[in-house]
Amino acid sequence: MVVGCLAVWSALFGIGYLLYARVALGAGLLVIAVAATALLMRLVGKIKLS
C-alpha cells in the first residue's frame, strides 16, 4: 500500500512541478514514480490468488 501511494503521489507532484517549470525536481519525482511502479508490479506478480 505504501509503494502504491508513493507511486501515485510522486507522479502527481512530478507532473505538477514540470508544469510550473521546476524541471529537476519534477523529473526526480517522476523517476521515483517509475521505480515505485516497477516495484509494485513486481510485488503484485508474487501474489498467488488460488
Protein backbone atom coordinates (compact mmCIF):
# COMPACT_ATOMS: atom_id res chain seq x y z
CA MET A 1 0.00 0.00 0.00
CA VAL A 2 2.83 2.39 0.80
CA VAL A 3 4.54 1.68 -2.53
CA GLY A 4 1.33 2.40 -4.42
CA CYS A 5 0.85 5.69 -2.59
CA LEU A 6 4.46 6.62 -3.28
CA ALA A 7 3.98 5.90 -6.98
CA VAL A 8 0.78 7.93 -7.29
CA TRP A 9 1.82 10.94 -5.20
CA SER A 10 5.26 11.25 -6.73
CA ALA A 11 3.73 11.06 -10.22
CA LEU A 12 1.19 13.75 -9.38
CA PHE A 13 3.71 16.09 -7.80
CA GLY A 14 6.25 15.36 -10.54
CA ILE A 15 3.84 16.40 -13.25
CA GLY A 16 2.83 19.45 -11.24
CA TYR A 17 6.42 20.56 -10.81
CA LEU A 18 7.05 20.09 -14.53
CA LEU A 19 4.04 22.25 -15.33
CA TYR A 20 5.44 25.01 -13.13
CA ALA A 21 8.87 24.79 -14.79
CA ARG A 22 10.75 23.15 -11.93
CA VAL A 23 12.24 20.56 -14.25
CA ALA A 24 14.89 18.99 -12.00
CA LEU A 25 12.51 18.32 -9.10
CA GLY A 26 9.73 17.18 -11.42
CA ALA A 27 12.00 14.78 -13.27
CA GLY A 28 13.33 13.38 -10.00
CA LEU A 29 9.83 12.73 -8.72
CA LEU A 30 8.86 11.06 -11.98
CA VAL A 31 11.90 8.78 -11.73
CA ILE A 32 10.76 7.82 -8.22
CA ALA A 33 7.24 7.19 -9.57
CA VAL A 34 8.55 4.88 -12.29
CA ALA A 35 10.71 2.96 -9.81
CA ALA A 36 7.84 2.60 -7.34
CA THR A 37 5.51 1.43 -10.12
CA ALA A 38 8.05 -1.17 -11.25
CA LEU A 39 8.42 -2.40 -7.66
CA LEU A 40 4.65 -2.54 -7.26
CA MET A 41 4.24 -4.57 -10.44
CA ARG A 42 6.93 -6.95 -9.24
CA LEU A 43 5.24 -7.38 -5.86
CA VAL A 44 1.80 -7.93 -7.40
CA GLY A 45 3.26 -10.66 -9.62
CA LYS A 46 4.28 -12.62 -6.50
CA ILE A 47 0.71 -12.78 -5.15
CA LYS A 48 -0.91 -16.14 -5.79
CA LEU A 49 -4.69 -15.97 -5.95
CA SER A 50 -5.50 -19.70 -5.88
